Amino acid sequence: MLKLTDYPSGNVKAIAYEGLIRKQNINVFPLLKKSLNDTLTFVYFNSGCFVNTHMLSDYLFSHLTNLNDDAPPMINSLEINLKAVQKNEIIALFKQRKSKEDYYRKEYYKSLR
């Protein structure tokens, strides 16, 4: 499943990350860092009648885990247990990437041409 985190499709990557994160015996810290550094991968997410496009890390943090402090946790979100220093590093990196989301989105769309 780890190989699928390098697959070209953002949705396949998201499913692979979710499967790995759900495993009880895996160190999620390097996985989360890897997802945060994959800035040009976007996930298409259906919510009712709407289709939203999210950065891979935004999908993982806002829709799958309890790590996004700026939003209430989603129903059935995964409880991610990290050391405080790891959690702070991940959240800081997430916020840094999120602040540049418009730039990454433009670059992503350019890469589709």
C-alpha atoms as a PDB file:
ATOM      1  CA  MET A   1       0.000   0.000   0.000  1.00  0.00           C
ATOM      2  CA  LEU A   2       2.955   2.316   0.631  1.00  0.00           C
ATOM      3  CA  LYS A   3       3.790   2.262  -3.096  1.00  0.00           C
ATOM      4  CA  LEU A   4       0.338   3.640  -3.861  1.00  0.00           C
ATOM      5  CA  THR A   5       1.214   6.878  -2.028  1.00  0.00           C
ATOM      6  CA  ASP A   6       3.351   7.622  -5.115  1.00  0.00           C
ATOM      7  CA  TYR A   7       0.598   6.797  -7.623  1.00  0.00           C
ATOM      8  CA  PRO A   8      -0.275   9.626 -10.071  1.00  0.00           C
ATOM      9  CA  SER A   9      -3.973   9.826  -9.072  1.00  0.00           C
ATOM     10  CA  GLY A  10      -4.718  11.967  -6.031  1.00  0.00           C
ATOM     11  CA  ASN A  11      -7.728   9.849  -5.088  1.00  0.00           C
ATOM     12  CA  VAL A  12      -5.668   6.648  -5.164  1.00  0.00           C
ATOM     13  CA  LYS A  13      -3.031   8.333  -3.015  1.00  0.00           C
ATOM     14  CA  ALA A  14      -5.688   9.477  -0.535  1.00  0.00           C
ATOM     15  CA  ILE A  15      -7.098   5.953  -0.223  1.00  0.00           C
ATOM     16  CA  ALA A  16      -3.598   4.535   0.264  1.00  0.00           C
ATOM     17  CA  TYR A  17      -2.788   7.074   2.975  1.00  0.00           C
ATOM     18  CA  GLU A  18      -6.108   6.383   4.681  1.00  0.00           C
ATOM     19  CA  GLY A  19      -5.464   2.640   4.682  1.00  0.00           C
ATOM     20  CA  LEU A  20      -1.982   3.114   6.099  1.00  0.00           C
ATOM     21  CA  ILE A  21      -3.096   5.624   8.731  1.00  0.00           C
ATOM     22  CA  ARG A  22      -5.852   3.276   9.884  1.00  0.00           C
ATOM     23  CA  LYS A  23      -3.269   0.567  10.599  1.00  0.00           C
ATOM     24  CA  GLN A  24      -2.593   0.423  14.320  1.00  0.00           C
ATOM     25  CA  ASN A  25       1.072  -0.561  14.132  1.00  0.00           C
ATOM     26  CA  ILE A  26       2.450   2.086  11.782  1.00  0.00           C
ATOM     27  CA  ASN A  27       4.342   5.293  12.493  1.00  0.00           C
ATOM     28  CA  VAL A  28       2.080   7.924  10.921  1.00  0.00           C
ATOM     29  CA  PHE A  29       4.429  10.891  11.433  1.00  0.00           C
ATOM     30  CA  PRO A  30       6.550  10.263   8.287  1.00  0.00           C
ATOM     31  CA  LEU A  31       3.390   9.524   6.280  1.00  0.00           C
ATOM     32  CA  LEU A  32       1.801  12.811   7.277  1.00  0.00           C
ATOM     33  CA  LYS A  33       4.994  14.715   6.468  1.00  0.00           C
ATOM     34  CA  LYS A  34       5.168  13.026   3.071  1.00  0.00           C
ATOM     35  CA  SER A  35       1.568  13.992   2.306  1.00  0.00           C
ATOM     36  CA  LEU A  36       2.289  17.603   3.292  1.00  0.00           C
ATOM     37  CA  ASN A  37       5.199  17.747   0.877  1.00  0.00           C
ATOM     38  CA  ASP A  38       3.030  16.447  -1.972  1.00  0.00           C
ATOM     39  CA  THR A  39       1.695  19.907  -2.761  1.00  0.00           C
ATOM     40  CA  LEU A  40       0.575  19.323  -6.357  1.00  0.00           C
ATOM     41  CA  THR A  41      -1.726  16.409  -5.599  1.00  0.00           C
ATOM     42  CA  PHE A  42      -5.433  17.152  -5.316  1.00  0.00           C
ATOM     43  CA  VAL A  43      -8.283  14.898  -4.277  1.00  0.00           C
ATOM     44  CA  TYR A  44     -11.776  15.048  -5.744  1.00  0.00           C
ATOM     45  CA  PHE A  45     -14.197  14.654  -2.860  1.00  0.00           C
ATOM     46  CA  ASN A  46     -17.955  14.256  -3.226  1.00  0.00           C
ATOM     47  CA  SER A  47     -20.196  15.678  -0.552  1.00  0.00           C
ATOM     48  CA  GLY A  48     -23.833  15.249  -1.422  1.00  0.00           C
ATOM     49  CA  CYS A  49     -24.406  16.991  -4.762  1.00  0.00           C
ATOM     50  CA  PHE A  50     -21.128  18.878  -4.613  1.00  0.00           C
ATOM     51  CA  VAL A  51     -17.708  17.858  -5.867  1.00  0.00           C
ATOM     52  CA  ASN A  52     -14.859  19.586  -4.079  1.00  0.00           C
ATOM     53  CA  THR A  53     -11.183  19.588  -4.889  1.00  0.00           C
ATOM     54  CA  HIS A  54      -8.853  19.506  -1.902  1.00  0.00           C
ATOM     55  CA  MET A  55      -5.121  19.359  -1.535  1.00  0.00           C
ATOM     56  CA  LEU A  56      -4.152  15.844  -0.466  1.00  0.00           C
ATOM     57  CA  SER A  57      -2.959  17.085   2.923  1.00  0.00           C
ATOM     58  CA  ASP A  58      -6.172  19.093   3.409  1.00  0.00           C
ATOM     59  CA  TYR A  59      -8.239  15.981   2.732  1.00  0.00           C
ATOM     60  CA  LEU A  60      -6.212  13.957   5.227  1.00  0.00           C
ATOM     61  CA  PHE A  61      -6.226  16.654   7.899  1.00  0.00           C
ATOM     62  CA  SER A  62      -9.741  18.038   7.525  1.00  0.00           C
ATOM     63  CA  HIS A  63     -11.774  15.011   6.461  1.00  0.00           C
ATOM     64  CA  LEU A  64      -9.929  12.013   7.830  1.00  0.00           C
ATOM     65  CA  THR A  65      -8.084  12.954  11.015  1.00  0.00           C
ATOM     66  CA  ASN A  66      -8.515  15.125  14.072  1.00  0.00           C
ATOM     67  CA  LEU A  67      -5.408  17.242  13.350  1.00  0.00           C
ATOM     68  CA  ASN A  68      -6.935  20.400  11.867  1.00  0.00           C
ATOM     69  CA  ASP A  69      -7.368  22.699  14.849  1.00  0.00           C
ATOM     70  CA  ASP A  70      -9.107  25.331  12.684  1.00  0.00           C
ATOM     71  CA  ALA A  71     -12.105  23.111  11.969  1.00  0.00           C
ATOM     72  CA  PRO A  72     -14.309  20.898  14.103  1.00  0.00           C
ATOM     73  CA  PRO A  73     -13.517  17.191  13.752  1.00  0.00           C
ATOM     74  CA  MET A  74     -15.510  15.290  11.186  1.00  0.00           C
ATOM     75  CA  ILE A  75     -17.781  12.483  12.299  1.00  0.00           C
ATOM     76  CA  ASN A  76     -15.739   9.279  12.572  1.00  0.00           C
ATOM     77  CA  SER A  77     -12.432  11.137  12.177  1.00  0.00           C
ATOM     78  CA  LEU A  78      -9.370   9.123  13.094  1.00  0.00           C
ATOM     79  CA  GLU A  79      -7.648   9.866  16.369  1.00  0.00           C
ATOM     80  CA  ILE A  80      -3.983  10.351  15.509  1.00  0.00           C
ATOM     81  CA  ASN A  81      -1.602   9.927  18.399  1.00  0.00           C
ATOM     82  CA  LEU A  82       1.565  11.926  17.953  1.00  0.00           C
ATOM     83  CA  LYS A  83       4.067  13.320  20.406  1.00  0.00           C
ATOM     84  CA  ALA A  84       3.384  16.982  21.112  1.00  0.00           C
ATOM     85  CA  VAL A  85       6.480  18.133  19.207  1.00  0.00           C
ATOM     86  CA  GLN A  86       5.478  16.011  16.189  1.00  0.00           C
ATOM     87  CA  LYS A  87       1.910  17.297  16.255  1.00  0.00           C
ATOM     88  CA  ASN A  88       3.127  20.908  16.439  1.00  0.00           C
ATOM     89  CA  GLU A  89       5.508  20.343  13.519  1.00  0.00           C
ATOM     90  CA  ILE A  90       2.797  18.723  11.409  1.00  0.00           C
ATOM     91  CA  ILE A  91       0.228  21.441  12.175  1.00  0.00           C
ATOM     92  CA  ALA A  92       2.742  24.215  11.410  1.00  0.00           C
ATOM     93  CA  LEU A  93       3.649  22.576   8.099  1.00  0.00           C
ATOM     94  CA  PHE A  94      -0.041  22.081   7.285  1.00  0.00           C
ATOM     95  CA  LYS A  95      -0.811  25.752   7.911  1.00  0.00           C
ATOM     96  CA  GLN A  96       2.183  26.794   5.813  1.00  0.00           C
ATOM     97  CA  ARG A  97       1.043  24.625   2.901  1.00  0.00           C
ATOM     98  CA  LYS A  98      -2.589  25.710   3.303  1.00  0.00           C
ATOM     99  CA  SER A  99      -1.583  29.387   3.072  1.00  0.00           C
ATOM    100  CA  LYS A 100      -0.185  28.686  -0.416  1.00  0.00           C
ATOM    101  CA  GLU A 101      -3.104  26.552  -1.605  1.00  0.00           C
ATOM    102  CA  ASP A 102      -4.114  28.945  -4.405  1.00  0.00           C
ATOM    103  CA  TYR A 103      -0.587  28.861  -5.824  1.00  0.00           C
ATOM    104  CA  TYR A 104      -0.458  25.044  -5.658  1.00  0.00           C
ATOM    105  CA  ARG A 105      -3.884  24.782  -7.278  1.00  0.00           C
ATOM    106  CA  LYS A 106      -2.790  26.987 -10.210  1.00  0.00           C
ATOM    107  CA  GLU A 107       0.358  24.912 -10.649  1.00  0.00           C
ATOM    108  CA  TYR A 108      -1.708  21.736 -10.511  1.00  0.00           C
ATOM    109  CA  TYR A 109      -4.053  22.946 -13.244  1.00  0.00           C
ATOM    110  CA  LYS A 110      -1.071  23.990 -15.379  1.00  0.00           C
ATOM    111  CA  SER A 111       0.313  20.476 -15.058  1.00  0.00           C
ATOM    112  CA  LEU A 112      -2.932  19.039 -16.488  1.00  0.00           C
ATOM    113  CA  ARG A 113      -2.516  20.852 -19.795  1.00  0.00           C
END
